[in-house]
Amino acid sequence: MELVNLKKSLDEKISSLSGGMQRRVSIALATIGDPKILIFDEPTTGLDPENRHDIWEFINNLKQDGRTILLTTHILEEADILSDRICIMSYGQVKITGTSSELKRKIGSGFKLNIILKELNE
């Protein structure tokens, strides 16, 4: 519970915890029994930035212990930090796979801004 920043809430009922705290409890519970494969579906959705970073560190530590982790996310920074390989899907179809650096080389990085100016008739 300390690793997911919930040590202060050990005596609380799970139902009385906030949604973000309940999410952190479920992440911690997923590691009980030392599973070799973990599946996380958007594990940090709804968490504040501090707790999100704590969970990222927790997941990275799980990886260092030799566990296989399958992770879904809409947060590109999360995929970049946590993933060895990334698969981008659209409408249920795999569009591209690779490491973070491979994907950045293939599809670019940063933002693309298109500006269309329309003449104003005054």
PDB file of N, CA and C in Angstrom:
ATOM      1  N   MET A   1       0.829  -1.193   0.000  1.00  0.00           N
ATOM      2  CA  MET A   1       0.000   0.000   0.000  1.00  0.00           C
ATOM      3  C   MET A   1       0.876   1.260   0.000  1.00  0.00           C
ATOM      4  N   GLU A   2       2.045   1.148   0.598  1.00  0.00           N
ATOM      5  CA  GLU A   2       2.950   2.293   0.590  1.00  0.00           C
ATOM      6  C   GLU A   2       3.398   2.634  -0.825  1.00  0.00           C
ATOM      7  N   LEU A   3       3.626   1.620  -1.645  1.00  0.00           N
ATOM      8  CA  LEU A   3       4.121   1.838  -3.003  1.00  0.00           C
ATOM      9  C   LEU A   3       3.098   2.515  -3.913  1.00  0.00           C
ATOM     10  N   VAL A   4       1.823   2.417  -3.570  1.00  0.00           N
ATOM     11  CA  VAL A   4       0.785   3.109  -4.347  1.00  0.00           C
ATOM     12  C   VAL A   4       0.220   4.302  -3.567  1.00  0.00           C
ATOM     13  N   ASN A   5       0.977   4.742  -2.561  1.00  0.00           N
ATOM     14  CA  ASN A   5       0.665   5.951  -1.786  1.00  0.00           C
ATOM     15  C   ASN A   5      -0.674   5.865  -1.056  1.00  0.00           C
ATOM     16  N   LEU A   6      -0.911   4.717  -0.395  1.00  0.00           N
ATOM     17  CA  LEU A   6      -2.152   4.545   0.367  1.00  0.00           C
ATOM     18  C   LEU A   6      -1.909   4.093   1.806  1.00  0.00           C
ATOM     19  N   LYS A   7      -0.703   4.230   2.281  1.00  0.00           N
ATOM     20  CA  LYS A   7      -0.376   3.756   3.633  1.00  0.00           C
ATOM     21  C   LYS A   7      -1.254   4.426   4.698  1.00  0.00           C
ATOM     22  N   LYS A   8      -1.603   5.688   4.487  1.00  0.00           N
ATOM     23  CA  LYS A   8      -2.421   6.416   5.463  1.00  0.00           C
ATOM     24  C   LYS A   8      -3.870   5.932   5.483  1.00  0.00           C
ATOM     25  N   SER A   9      -4.268   5.168   4.479  1.00  0.00           N
ATOM     26  CA  SER A   9      -5.671   4.747   4.355  1.00  0.00           C
ATOM     27  C   SER A   9      -5.885   3.273   4.677  1.00  0.00           C
ATOM     28  N   LEU A  10      -4.944   2.638   5.367  1.00  0.00           N
ATOM     29  CA  LEU A  10      -5.027   1.202   5.637  1.00  0.00           C
ATOM     30  C   LEU A  10      -6.268   0.816   6.443  1.00  0.00           C
ATOM     31  N   ASP A  11      -6.749   1.694   7.302  1.00  0.00           N
ATOM     32  CA  ASP A  11      -7.887   1.365   8.153  1.00  0.00           C
ATOM     33  C   ASP A  11      -9.233   1.785   7.556  1.00  0.00           C
ATOM     34  N   GLU A  12      -9.204   2.307   6.336  1.00  0.00           N
ATOM     35  CA  GLU A  12     -10.434   2.769   5.690  1.00  0.00           C
ATOM     36  C   GLU A  12     -11.074   1.642   4.882  1.00  0.00           C
ATOM     37  N   LYS A  13     -12.408   1.669   4.798  1.00  0.00           N
ATOM     38  CA  LYS A  13     -13.108   0.748   3.904  1.00  0.00           C
ATOM     39  C   LYS A  13     -12.882   1.223   2.475  1.00  0.00           C
ATOM     40  N   ILE A  14     -12.704   0.289   1.567  1.00  0.00           N
ATOM     41  CA  ILE A  14     -12.461   0.654   0.168  1.00  0.00           C
ATOM     42  C   ILE A  14     -13.613   1.492  -0.378  1.00  0.00           C
ATOM     43  N   SER A  15     -14.835   1.163   0.017  1.00  0.00           N
ATOM     44  CA  SER A  15     -16.001   1.899  -0.491  1.00  0.00           C
ATOM     45  C   SER A  15     -16.016   3.363  -0.052  1.00  0.00           C
ATOM     46  N   SER A  16     -15.270   3.704   0.997  1.00  0.00           N
ATOM     47  CA  SER A  16     -15.236   5.089   1.465  1.00  0.00           C
ATOM     48  C   SER A  16     -14.115   5.901   0.808  1.00  0.00           C
ATOM     49  N   LEU A  17     -13.275   5.251   0.026  1.00  0.00           N
ATOM     50  CA  LEU A  17     -12.168   5.935  -0.624  1.00  0.00           C
ATOM     51  C   LEU A  17     -12.633   6.625  -1.899  1.00  0.00           C
ATOM     52  N   SER A  18     -11.871   7.622  -2.328  1.00  0.00           N
ATOM     53  CA  SER A  18     -12.180   8.310  -3.583  1.00  0.00           C
ATOM     54  C   SER A  18     -11.954   7.359  -4.754  1.00  0.00           C
ATOM     55  N   GLY A  19     -12.462   7.726  -5.916  1.00  0.00           N
ATOM     56  CA  GLY A  19     -12.294   6.895  -7.110  1.00  0.00           C
ATOM     57  C   GLY A  19     -10.835   6.653  -7.447  1.00  0.00           C
ATOM     58  N   GLY A  20     -10.004   7.692  -7.339  1.00  0.00           N
ATOM     59  CA  GLY A  20      -8.577   7.547  -7.609  1.00  0.00           C
ATOM     60  C   GLY A  20      -7.898   6.618  -6.620  1.00  0.00           C
ATOM     61  N   MET A  21      -8.299   6.713  -5.360  1.00  0.00           N
ATOM     62  CA  MET A  21      -7.721   5.832  -4.338  1.00  0.00           C
ATOM     63  C   MET A  21      -8.152   4.390  -4.583  1.00  0.00           C
ATOM     64  N   GLN A  22      -9.414   4.193  -4.970  1.00  0.00           N
ATOM     65  CA  GLN A  22      -9.893   2.842  -5.276  1.00  0.00           C
ATOM     66  C   GLN A  22      -9.127   2.254  -6.458  1.00  0.00           C
ATOM     67  N   ARG A  23      -8.807   3.082  -7.439  1.00  0.00           N
ATOM     68  CA  ARG A  23      -8.028   2.627  -8.594  1.00  0.00           C
ATOM     69  C   ARG A  23      -6.635   2.165  -8.135  1.00  0.00           C
ATOM     70  N   ARG A  24      -6.029   2.926  -7.232  1.00  0.00           N
ATOM     71  CA  ARG A  24      -4.704   2.539  -6.722  1.00  0.00           C
ATOM     72  C   ARG A  24      -4.773   1.245  -5.914  1.00  0.00           C
ATOM     73  N   VAL A  25      -5.869   1.043  -5.169  1.00  0.00           N
ATOM     74  CA  VAL A  25      -6.044  -0.221  -4.444  1.00  0.00           C
ATOM     75  C   VAL A  25      -6.120  -1.376  -5.434  1.00  0.00           C
ATOM     76  N   SER A  26      -6.883  -1.200  -6.521  1.00  0.00           N
ATOM     77  CA  SER A  26      -7.024  -2.292  -7.495  1.00  0.00           C
ATOM     78  C   SER A  26      -5.696  -2.602  -8.175  1.00  0.00           C
ATOM     79  N   ILE A  27      -4.871  -1.598  -8.396  1.00  0.00           N
ATOM     80  CA  ILE A  27      -3.541  -1.826  -8.981  1.00  0.00           C
ATOM     81  C   ILE A  27      -2.687  -2.631  -8.011  1.00  0.00           C
ATOM     82  N   ALA A  28      -2.739  -2.272  -6.739  1.00  0.00           N
ATOM     83  CA  ALA A  28      -1.977  -3.018  -5.736  1.00  0.00           C
ATOM     84  C   ALA A  28      -2.488  -4.454  -5.617  1.00  0.00           C
ATOM     85  N   LEU A  29      -3.810  -4.634  -5.620  1.00  0.00           N
ATOM     86  CA  LEU A  29      -4.397  -5.973  -5.515  1.00  0.00           C
ATOM     87  C   LEU A  29      -3.990  -6.869  -6.686  1.00  0.00           C
ATOM     88  N   ALA A  30      -3.801  -6.275  -7.856  1.00  0.00           N
ATOM     89  CA  ALA A  30      -3.429  -7.055  -9.040  1.00  0.00           C
ATOM     90  C   ALA A  30      -2.068  -7.726  -8.890  1.00  0.00           C
ATOM     91  N   THR A  31      -1.264  -7.234  -7.964  1.00  0.00           N
ATOM     92  CA  THR A  31       0.087  -7.790  -7.798  1.00  0.00           C
ATOM     93  C   THR A  31       0.161  -8.882  -6.729  1.00  0.00           C
ATOM     94  N   ILE A  32      -0.947  -9.123  -6.030  1.00  0.00           N
ATOM     95  CA  ILE A  32      -0.957 -10.163  -5.002  1.00  0.00           C
ATOM     96  C   ILE A  32      -0.749 -11.527  -5.654  1.00  0.00           C
ATOM     97  N   GLY A  33       0.098 -12.325  -5.078  1.00  0.00           N
ATOM     98  CA  GLY A  33       0.388 -13.652  -5.609  1.00  0.00           C
ATOM     99  C   GLY A  33       1.543 -13.650  -6.595  1.00  0.00           C
ATOM    100  N   ASP A  34       2.164 -12.478  -6.784  1.00  0.00           N
ATOM    101  CA  ASP A  34       3.339 -12.365  -7.645  1.00  0.00           C
ATOM    102  C   ASP A  34       3.078 -12.872  -9.066  1.00  0.00           C
ATOM    103  N   PRO A  35       2.027 -12.367  -9.739  1.00  0.00           N
ATOM    104  CA  PRO A  35       1.752 -12.833 -11.106  1.00  0.00           C
ATOM    105  C   PRO A  35       2.871 -12.424 -12.055  1.00  0.00           C
ATOM    106  N   LYS A  36       3.129 -13.251 -13.034  1.00  0.00           N
ATOM    107  CA  LYS A  36       4.184 -12.959 -14.016  1.00  0.00           C
ATOM    108  C   LYS A  36       3.659 -12.107 -15.161  1.00  0.00           C
ATOM    109  N   ILE A  37       2.330 -12.107 -15.351  1.00  0.00           N
ATOM    110  CA  ILE A  37       1.706 -11.293 -16.396  1.00  0.00           C
ATOM    111  C   ILE A  37       0.620 -10.431 -15.744  1.00  0.00           C
ATOM    112  N   LEU A  38       0.657  -9.139 -16.032  1.00  0.00           N
ATOM    113  CA  LEU A  38      -0.338  -8.207 -15.506  1.00  0.00           C
ATOM    114  C   LEU A  38      -0.980  -7.460 -16.664  1.00  0.00           C
ATOM    115  N   ILE A  39      -2.288  -7.249 -16.588  1.00  0.00           N
ATOM    116  CA  ILE A  39      -3.004  -6.486 -17.598  1.00  0.00           C
ATOM    117  C   ILE A  39      -3.640  -5.288 -16.903  1.00  0.00           C
ATOM    118  N   PHE A  40      -3.264  -4.099 -17.360  1.00  0.00           N
ATOM    119  CA  PHE A  40      -3.804  -2.868 -16.800  1.00  0.00           C
ATOM    120  C   PHE A  40      -4.553  -2.116 -17.895  1.00  0.00           C
ATOM    121  N   ASP A  41      -5.817  -1.803 -17.637  1.00  0.00           N
ATOM    122  CA  ASP A  41      -6.628  -1.032 -18.570  1.00  0.00           C
ATOM    123  C   ASP A  41      -6.710   0.401 -18.070  1.00  0.00           C
ATOM    124  N   GLU A  42      -5.974   1.278 -18.695  1.00  0.00           N
ATOM    125  CA  GLU A  42      -5.919   2.694 -18.334  1.00  0.00           C
ATOM    126  C   GLU A  42      -5.747   2.887 -16.820  1.00  0.00           C
ATOM    127  N   PRO A  43      -4.627   2.422 -16.279  1.00  0.00           N
ATOM    128  CA  PRO A  43      -4.456   2.411 -14.821  1.00  0.00           C
ATOM    129  C   PRO A  43      -4.409   3.766 -14.149  1.00  0.00           C
ATOM    130  N   THR A  44      -4.067   4.829 -14.871  1.00  0.00           N
ATOM    131  CA  THR A  44      -3.938   6.123 -14.199  1.00  0.00           C
ATOM    132  C   THR A  44      -5.033   7.121 -14.569  1.00  0.00           C
ATOM    133  N   THR A  45      -6.056   6.658 -15.275  1.00  0.00           N
ATOM    134  CA  THR A  45      -7.165   7.548 -15.620  1.00  0.00           C
ATOM    135  C   THR A  45      -7.807   8.075 -14.335  1.00  0.00           C
ATOM    136  N   GLY A  46      -7.973   9.372 -14.262  1.00  0.00           N
ATOM    137  CA  GLY A  46      -8.624   9.983 -13.105  1.00  0.00           C
ATOM    138  C   GLY A  46      -7.700  10.282 -11.941  1.00  0.00           C
ATOM    139  N   LEU A  47      -6.409   9.970 -12.078  1.00  0.00           N
ATOM    140  CA  LEU A  47      -5.474  10.252 -10.993  1.00  0.00           C
ATOM    141  C   LEU A  47      -4.843  11.621 -11.181  1.00  0.00           C
ATOM    142  N   ASP A  48      -4.526  12.278 -10.068  1.00  0.00           N
ATOM    143  CA  ASP A  48      -3.829  13.552 -10.152  1.00  0.00           C
ATOM    144  C   ASP A  48      -2.380  13.286 -10.582  1.00  0.00           C
ATOM    145  N   PRO A  49      -1.677  14.304 -11.069  1.00  0.00           N
ATOM    146  CA  PRO A  49      -0.322  14.089 -11.602  1.00  0.00           C
ATOM    147  C   PRO A  49       0.649  13.418 -10.626  1.00  0.00           C
ATOM    148  N   GLU A  50       0.591  13.764  -9.352  1.00  0.00           N
ATOM    149  CA  GLU A  50       1.514  13.160  -8.378  1.00  0.00           C
ATOM    150  C   GLU A  50       1.267  11.658  -8.254  1.00  0.00           C
ATOM    151  N   ASN A  51       0.016  11.268  -8.086  1.00  0.00           N
ATOM    152  CA  ASN A  51      -0.302   9.849  -7.963  1.00  0.00           C
ATOM    153  C   ASN A  51      -0.085   9.102  -9.277  1.00  0.00           C
ATOM    154  N   ARG A  52      -0.322   9.782 -10.405  1.00  0.00           N
ATOM    155  CA  ARG A  52      -0.056   9.165 -11.710  1.00  0.00           C
ATOM    156  C   ARG A  52       1.433   8.793 -11.808  1.00  0.00           C
ATOM    157  N   HIS A  53       2.289   9.707 -11.412  1.00  0.00           N
ATOM    158  CA  HIS A  53       3.731   9.444 -11.473  1.00  0.00           C
ATOM    159  C   HIS A  53       4.133   8.336 -10.494  1.00  0.00           C
ATOM    160  N   ASP A  54       3.490   8.292  -9.332  1.00  0.00           N
ATOM    161  CA  ASP A  54       3.757   7.205  -8.374  1.00  0.00           C
ATOM    162  C   ASP A  54       3.390   5.850  -8.983  1.00  0.00           C
ATOM    163  N   ILE A  55       2.253   5.791  -9.675  1.00  0.00           N
ATOM    164  CA  ILE A  55       1.823   4.538 -10.310  1.00  0.00           C
ATOM    165  C   ILE A  55       2.765   4.174 -11.446  1.00  0.00           C
ATOM    166  N   TRP A  56       3.230   5.164 -12.204  1.00  0.00           N
ATOM    167  CA  TRP A  56       4.200   4.886 -13.271  1.00  0.00           C
ATOM    168  C   TRP A  56       5.465   4.267 -12.680  1.00  0.00           C
ATOM    169  N   GLU A  57       5.930   4.814 -11.570  1.00  0.00           N
ATOM    170  CA  GLU A  57       7.122   4.266 -10.910  1.00  0.00           C
ATOM    171  C   GLU A  57       6.839   2.841 -10.423  1.00  0.00           C
ATOM    172  N   PHE A  58       5.658   2.622  -9.858  1.00  0.00           N
ATOM    173  CA  PHE A  58       5.259   1.299  -9.381  1.00  0.00           C
ATOM    174  C   PHE A  58       5.261   0.289 -10.533  1.00  0.00           C
ATOM    175  N   ILE A  59       4.670   0.664 -11.670  1.00  0.00           N
ATOM    176  CA  ILE A  59       4.615  -0.231 -12.828  1.00  0.00           C
ATOM    177  C   ILE A  59       6.009  -0.480 -13.389  1.00  0.00           C
ATOM    178  N   ASN A  60       6.832   0.553 -13.454  1.00  0.00           N
ATOM    179  CA  ASN A  60       8.215   0.359 -13.923  1.00  0.00           C
ATOM    180  C   ASN A  60       8.984  -0.594 -13.014  1.00  0.00           C
ATOM    181  N   ASN A  61       8.736  -0.519 -11.715  1.00  0.00           N
ATOM    182  CA  ASN A  61       9.378  -1.458 -10.786  1.00  0.00           C
ATOM    183  C   ASN A  61       8.896  -2.887 -11.031  1.00  0.00           C
ATOM    184  N   LEU A  62       7.620  -3.049 -11.360  1.00  0.00           N
ATOM    185  CA  LEU A  62       7.103  -4.378 -11.694  1.00  0.00           C
ATOM    186  C   LEU A  62       7.818  -4.921 -12.933  1.00  0.00           C
ATOM    187  N   LYS A  63       8.038  -4.053 -13.914  1.00  0.00           N
ATOM    188  CA  LYS A  63       8.767  -4.458 -15.121  1.00  0.00           C
ATOM    189  C   LYS A  63      10.185  -4.896 -14.783  1.00  0.00           C
ATOM    190  N   GLN A  64      10.831  -4.154 -13.904  1.00  0.00           N
ATOM    191  CA  GLN A  64      12.211  -4.480 -13.522  1.00  0.00           C
ATOM    192  C   GLN A  64      12.294  -5.830 -12.816  1.00  0.00           C
ATOM    193  N   ASP A  65      11.192  -6.253 -12.201  1.00  0.00           N
ATOM    194  CA  ASP A  65      11.138  -7.565 -11.541  1.00  0.00           C
ATOM    195  C   ASP A  65      10.916  -8.691 -12.541  1.00  0.00           C
ATOM    196  N   GLY A  66      10.851  -8.354 -13.841  1.00  0.00           N
ATOM    197  CA  GLY A  66      10.722  -9.378 -14.872  1.00  0.00           C
ATOM    198  C   GLY A  66       9.291  -9.747 -15.228  1.00  0.00           C
ATOM    199  N   ARG A  67       8.346  -8.934 -14.846  1.00  0.00           N
ATOM    200  CA  ARG A  67       6.956  -9.231 -15.173  1.00  0.00           C
ATOM    201  C   ARG A  67       6.604  -8.693 -16.554  1.00  0.00           C
ATOM    202  N   THR A  68       5.681  -9.351 -17.208  1.00  0.00           N
ATOM    203  CA  THR A  68       5.151  -8.890 -18.485  1.00  0.00           C
ATOM    204  C   THR A  68       3.910  -8.077 -18.199  1.00  0.00           C
ATOM    205  N   ILE A  69       3.835  -6.894 -18.781  1.00  0.00           N
ATOM    206  CA  ILE A  69       2.710  -6.005 -18.517  1.00  0.00           C
ATOM    207  C   ILE A  69       2.089  -5.583 -19.842  1.00  0.00           C
ATOM    208  N   LEU A  70       0.785  -5.800 -19.938  1.00  0.00           N
ATOM    209  CA  LEU A  70       0.002  -5.321 -21.069  1.00  0.00           C
ATOM    210  C   LEU A  70      -0.800  -4.137 -20.549  1.00  0.00           C
ATOM    211  N   LEU A  71      -0.672  -3.010 -21.223  1.00  0.00           N
ATOM    212  CA  LEU A  71      -1.239  -1.769 -20.724  1.00  0.00           C
ATOM    213  C   LEU A  71      -2.000  -1.068 -21.844  1.00  0.00           C
ATOM    214  N   THR A  72      -3.224  -0.644 -21.562  1.00  0.00           N
ATOM    215  CA  THR A  72      -3.939   0.213 -22.505  1.00  0.00           C
ATOM    216  C   THR A  72      -3.961   1.619 -21.931  1.00  0.00           C
ATOM    217  N   THR A  73      -3.849   2.609 -22.800  1.00  0.00           N
ATOM    218  CA  THR A  73      -3.866   3.993 -22.343  1.00  0.00           C
ATOM    219  C   THR A  73      -4.195   4.924 -23.495  1.00  0.00           C
ATOM    220  N   HIS A  74      -4.755   6.065 -23.151  1.00  0.00           N
ATOM    221  CA  HIS A  74      -4.944   7.151 -24.106  1.00  0.00           C
ATOM    222  C   HIS A  74      -3.903   8.236 -23.864  1.00  0.00           C
ATOM    223  N   ILE A  75      -3.095   8.066 -22.828  1.00  0.00           N
ATOM    224  CA  ILE A  75      -2.096   9.068 -22.452  1.00  0.00           C
ATOM    225  C   ILE A  75      -0.777   8.696 -23.128  1.00  0.00           C
ATOM    226  N   LEU A  76      -0.394   9.467 -24.151  1.00  0.00           N
ATOM    227  CA  LEU A  76       0.805   9.136 -24.916  1.00  0.00           C
ATOM    228  C   LEU A  76       2.071   9.198 -24.064  1.00  0.00           C
ATOM    229  N   GLU A  77       2.129  10.136 -23.131  1.00  0.00           N
ATOM    230  CA  GLU A  77       3.283  10.221 -22.234  1.00  0.00           C
ATOM    231  C   GLU A  77       3.417   8.934 -21.421  1.00  0.00           C
ATOM    232  N   GLU A  78       2.301   8.390 -20.986  1.00  0.00           N
ATOM    233  CA  GLU A  78       2.293   7.147 -20.221  1.00  0.00           C
ATOM    234  C   GLU A  78       2.836   5.992 -21.064  1.00  0.00           C
ATOM    235  N   ALA A  79       2.372   5.895 -22.299  1.00  0.00           N
ATOM    236  CA  ALA A  79       2.858   4.847 -23.198  1.00  0.00           C
ATOM    237  C   ALA A  79       4.352   5.007 -23.432  1.00  0.00           C
ATOM    238  N   ASP A  80       4.796   6.227 -23.606  1.00  0.00           N
ATOM    239  CA  ASP A  80       6.211   6.508 -23.856  1.00  0.00           C
ATOM    240  C   ASP A  80       7.076   6.105 -22.666  1.00  0.00           C
ATOM    241  N   ILE A  81       6.610   6.396 -21.467  1.00  0.00           N
ATOM    242  CA  ILE A  81       7.393   6.124 -20.253  1.00  0.00           C
ATOM    243  C   ILE A  81       7.386   4.642 -19.880  1.00  0.00           C
ATOM    244  N   LEU A  82       6.244   3.979 -20.030  1.00  0.00           N
ATOM    245  CA  LEU A  82       6.091   2.624 -19.504  1.00  0.00           C
ATOM    246  C   LEU A  82       6.333   1.505 -20.509  1.00  0.00           C
ATOM    247  N   SER A  83       6.294   1.810 -21.786  1.00  0.00           N
ATOM    248  CA  SER A  83       6.241   0.736 -22.776  1.00  0.00           C
ATOM    249  C   SER A  83       7.583   0.447 -23.438  1.00  0.00           C
ATOM    250  N   ASP A  84       7.836  -0.845 -23.629  1.00  0.00           N
ATOM    251  CA  ASP A  84       8.966  -1.271 -24.449  1.00  0.00           C
ATOM    252  C   ASP A  84       8.526  -1.292 -25.913  1.00  0.00           C
ATOM    253  N   ARG A  85       7.279  -1.684 -26.147  1.00  0.00           N
ATOM    254  CA  ARG A  85       6.693  -1.704 -27.490  1.00  0.00           C
ATOM    255  C   ARG A  85       5.300  -1.100 -27.398  1.00  0.00           C
ATOM    256  N   ILE A  86       4.924  -0.363 -28.438  1.00  0.00           N
ATOM    257  CA  ILE A  86       3.642   0.322 -28.471  1.00  0.00           C
ATOM    258  C   ILE A  86       2.877  -0.138 -29.709  1.00  0.00           C
ATOM    259  N   CYS A  87       1.596  -0.339 -29.540  1.00  0.00           N
ATOM    260  CA  CYS A  87       0.699  -0.690 -30.637  1.00  0.00           C
ATOM    261  C   CYS A  87      -0.387   0.380 -30.668  1.00  0.00           C
ATOM    262  N   ILE A  88      -0.501   1.085 -31.775  1.00  0.00           N
ATOM    263  CA  ILE A  88      -1.539   2.099 -31.909  1.00  0.00           C
ATOM    264  C   ILE A  88      -2.692   1.494 -32.699  1.00  0.00           C
ATOM    265  N   MET A  89      -3.890   1.603 -32.107  1.00  0.00           N
ATOM    266  CA  MET A  89      -5.075   1.022 -32.727  1.00  0.00           C
ATOM    267  C   MET A  89      -6.090   2.125 -33.007  1.00  0.00           C
ATOM    268  N   SER A  90      -6.888   1.903 -34.044  1.00  0.00           N
ATOM    269  CA  SER A  90      -7.975   2.812 -34.375  1.00  0.00           C
ATOM    270  C   SER A  90      -9.148   1.975 -34.872  1.00  0.00           C
ATOM    271  N   TYR A  91     -10.309   2.170 -34.258  1.00  0.00           N
ATOM    272  CA  TYR A  91     -11.509   1.421 -34.610  1.00  0.00           C
ATOM    273  C   TYR A  91     -11.260  -0.092 -34.581  1.00  0.00           C
ATOM    274  N   GLY A  92     -10.504  -0.549 -33.586  1.00  0.00           N
ATOM    275  CA  GLY A  92     -10.262  -1.980 -33.404  1.00  0.00           C
ATOM    276  C   GLY A  92      -9.219  -2.578 -34.327  1.00  0.00           C
ATOM    277  N   GLN A  93      -8.564  -1.757 -35.116  1.00  0.00           N
ATOM    278  CA  GLN A  93      -7.560  -2.250 -36.055  1.00  0.00           C
ATOM    279  C   GLN A  93      -6.179  -1.738 -35.659  1.00  0.00           C
ATOM    280  N   VAL A  94      -5.180  -2.625 -35.707  1.00  0.00           N
ATOM    281  CA  VAL A  94      -3.803  -2.217 -35.439  1.00  0.00           C
ATOM    282  C   VAL A  94      -3.325  -1.360 -36.603  1.00  0.00           C
ATOM    283  N   LYS A  95      -2.865  -0.154 -36.285  1.00  0.00           N
ATOM    284  CA  LYS A  95      -2.384   0.758 -37.325  1.00  0.00           C
ATOM    285  C   LYS A  95      -0.866   0.739 -37.449  1.00  0.00           C
ATOM    286  N   ILE A  96      -0.161   0.644 -36.316  1.00  0.00           N
ATOM    287  CA  ILE A  96       1.295   0.640 -36.333  1.00  0.00           C
ATOM    288  C   ILE A  96       1.807   0.120 -34.997  1.00  0.00           C
ATOM    289  N   THR A  97       2.952  -0.547 -35.020  1.00  0.00           N
ATOM    290  CA  THR A  97       3.584  -1.025 -33.792  1.00  0.00           C
ATOM    291  C   THR A  97       5.071  -0.700 -33.848  1.00  0.00           C
ATOM    292  N   GLY A  98       5.678  -0.631 -32.686  1.00  0.00           N
ATOM    293  CA  GLY A  98       7.116  -0.399 -32.607  1.00  0.00           C
ATOM    294  C   GLY A  98       7.497   0.172 -31.265  1.00  0.00           C
ATOM    295  N   THR A  99       8.773   0.459 -31.114  1.00  0.00           N
ATOM    296  CA  THR A  99       9.227   1.132 -29.902  1.00  0.00           C
ATOM    297  C   THR A  99       8.828   2.596 -29.993  1.00  0.00           C
ATOM    298  N   SER A 100       8.929   3.297 -28.900  1.00  0.00           N
ATOM    299  CA  SER A 100       8.581   4.713 -28.885  1.00  0.00           C
ATOM    300  C   SER A 100       9.416   5.489 -29.904  1.00  0.00           C
ATOM    301  N   SER A 101      10.715   5.250 -29.933  1.00  0.00           N
ATOM    302  CA  SER A 101      11.579   5.982 -30.867  1.00  0.00           C
ATOM    303  C   SER A 101      11.280   5.609 -32.321  1.00  0.00           C
ATOM    304  N   GLU A 102      10.952   4.329 -32.577  1.00  0.00           N
ATOM    305  CA  GLU A 102      10.596   3.922 -33.942  1.00  0.00           C
ATOM    306  C   GLU A 102       9.333   4.636 -34.404  1.00  0.00           C
ATOM    307  N   LEU A 103       8.342   4.698 -33.521  1.00  0.00           N
ATOM    308  CA  LEU A 103       7.085   5.356 -33.889  1.00  0.00           C
ATOM    309  C   LEU A 103       7.282   6.849 -34.111  1.00  0.00           C
ATOM    310  N   LYS A 104       8.113   7.468 -33.291  1.00  0.00           N
ATOM    311  CA  LYS A 104       8.373   8.895 -33.457  1.00  0.00           C
ATOM    312  C   LYS A 104       9.062   9.165 -34.792  1.00  0.00           C
ATOM    313  N   ARG A 105       9.977   8.275 -35.190  1.00  0.00           N
ATOM    314  CA  ARG A 105      10.636   8.436 -36.487  1.00  0.00           C
ATOM    315  C   ARG A 105       9.644   8.239 -37.642  1.00  0.00           C
ATOM    316  N   LYS A 106       8.760   7.243 -37.494  1.00  0.00           N
ATOM    317  CA  LYS A 106       7.826   6.918 -38.575  1.00  0.00           C
ATOM    318  C   LYS A 106       6.698   7.931 -38.718  1.00  0.00           C
ATOM    319  N   ILE A 107       6.121   8.339 -37.615  1.00  0.00           N
ATOM    320  CA  ILE A 107       4.941   9.214 -37.708  1.00  0.00           C
ATOM    321  C   ILE A 107       5.181  10.601 -37.149  1.00  0.00           C
ATOM    322  N   GLY A 108       6.411  10.887 -36.748  1.00  0.00           N
ATOM    323  CA  GLY A 108       6.746  12.223 -36.281  1.00  0.00           C
ATOM    324  C   GLY A 108       6.443  12.422 -34.820  1.00  0.00           C
ATOM    325  N   SER A 109       6.871  13.535 -34.319  1.00  0.00           N
ATOM    326  CA  SER A 109       6.612  13.882 -32.924  1.00  0.00           C
ATOM    327  C   SER A 109       6.206  15.343 -32.875  1.00  0.00           C
ATOM    328  N   GLY A 110       5.656  15.731 -31.783  1.00  0.00           N
ATOM    329  CA  GLY A 110       5.227  17.101 -31.621  1.00  0.00           C
ATOM    330  C   GLY A 110       3.837  17.324 -32.189  1.00  0.00           C
ATOM    331  N   PHE A 111       3.545  18.569 -32.469  1.00  0.00           N
ATOM    332  CA  PHE A 111       2.221  18.942 -32.921  1.00  0.00           C
ATOM    333  C   PHE A 111       2.280  19.482 -34.346  1.00  0.00           C
ATOM    334  N   LYS A 112       1.227  19.302 -35.064  1.00  0.00           N
ATOM    335  CA  LYS A 112       1.078  19.879 -36.385  1.00  0.00           C
ATOM    336  C   LYS A 112      -0.124  20.804 -36.317  1.00  0.00           C
ATOM    337  N   LEU A 113       0.082  22.033 -36.718  1.00  0.00           N
ATOM    338  CA  LEU A 113      -0.975  23.037 -36.644  1.00  0.00           C
ATOM    339  C   LEU A 113      -1.260  23.538 -38.046  1.00  0.00           C
ATOM    340  N   ASN A 114      -2.489  23.384 -38.480  1.00  0.00           N
ATOM    341  CA  ASN A 114      -2.936  23.911 -39.767  1.00  0.00           C
ATOM    342  C   ASN A 114      -3.798  25.132 -39.501  1.00  0.00           C
ATOM    343  N   ILE A 115      -3.469  26.229 -40.178  1.00  0.00           N
ATOM    344  CA  ILE A 115      -4.244  27.452 -40.026  1.00  0.00           C
ATOM    345  C   ILE A 115      -4.805  27.810 -41.391  1.00  0.00           C
ATOM    346  N   ILE A 116      -6.094  27.987 -41.446  1.00  0.00           N
ATOM    347  CA  ILE A 116      -6.755  28.378 -42.688  1.00  0.00           C
ATOM    348  C   ILE A 116      -7.339  29.762 -42.448  1.00  0.00           C
ATOM    349  N   LEU A 117      -6.861  30.716 -43.250  1.00  0.00           N
ATOM    350  CA  LEU A 117      -7.337  32.078 -43.115  1.00  0.00           C
ATOM    351  C   LEU A 117      -8.466  32.324 -44.103  1.00  0.00           C
ATOM    352  N   LYS A 118      -9.482  32.934 -43.626  1.00  0.00           N
ATOM    353  CA  LYS A 118     -10.634  33.237 -44.448  1.00  0.00           C
ATOM    354  C   LYS A 118     -10.734  34.756 -44.563  1.00  0.00           C
ATOM    355  N   GLU A 119     -10.874  35.213 -45.795  1.00  0.00           N
ATOM    356  CA  GLU A 119     -11.017  36.663 -45.979  1.00  0.00           C
ATOM    357  C   GLU A 119     -12.324  37.117 -45.371  1.00  0.00           C
ATOM    358  N   LEU A 120     -12.256  38.246 -44.715  1.00  0.00           N
ATOM    359  CA  LEU A 120     -13.458  38.840 -44.135  1.00  0.00           C
ATOM    360  C   LEU A 120     -13.969  39.927 -45.053  1.00  0.00           C
ATOM    361  N   ASN A 121     -15.184  39.829 -45.464  1.00  0.00           N
ATOM    362  CA  ASN A 121     -15.805  40.880 -46.286  1.00  0.00           C
ATOM    363  C   ASN A 121     -16.495  41.858 -45.360  1.00  0.00           C
ATOM    364  N   GLU A 122     -15.978  43.053 -45.348  1.00  0.00           N
ATOM    365  CA  GLU A 122     -16.554  44.059 -44.446  1.00  0.00           C
ATOM    366  C   GLU A 122     -17.396  45.029 -45.195  1.00  0.00           C
TER     367      GLU A 122
END
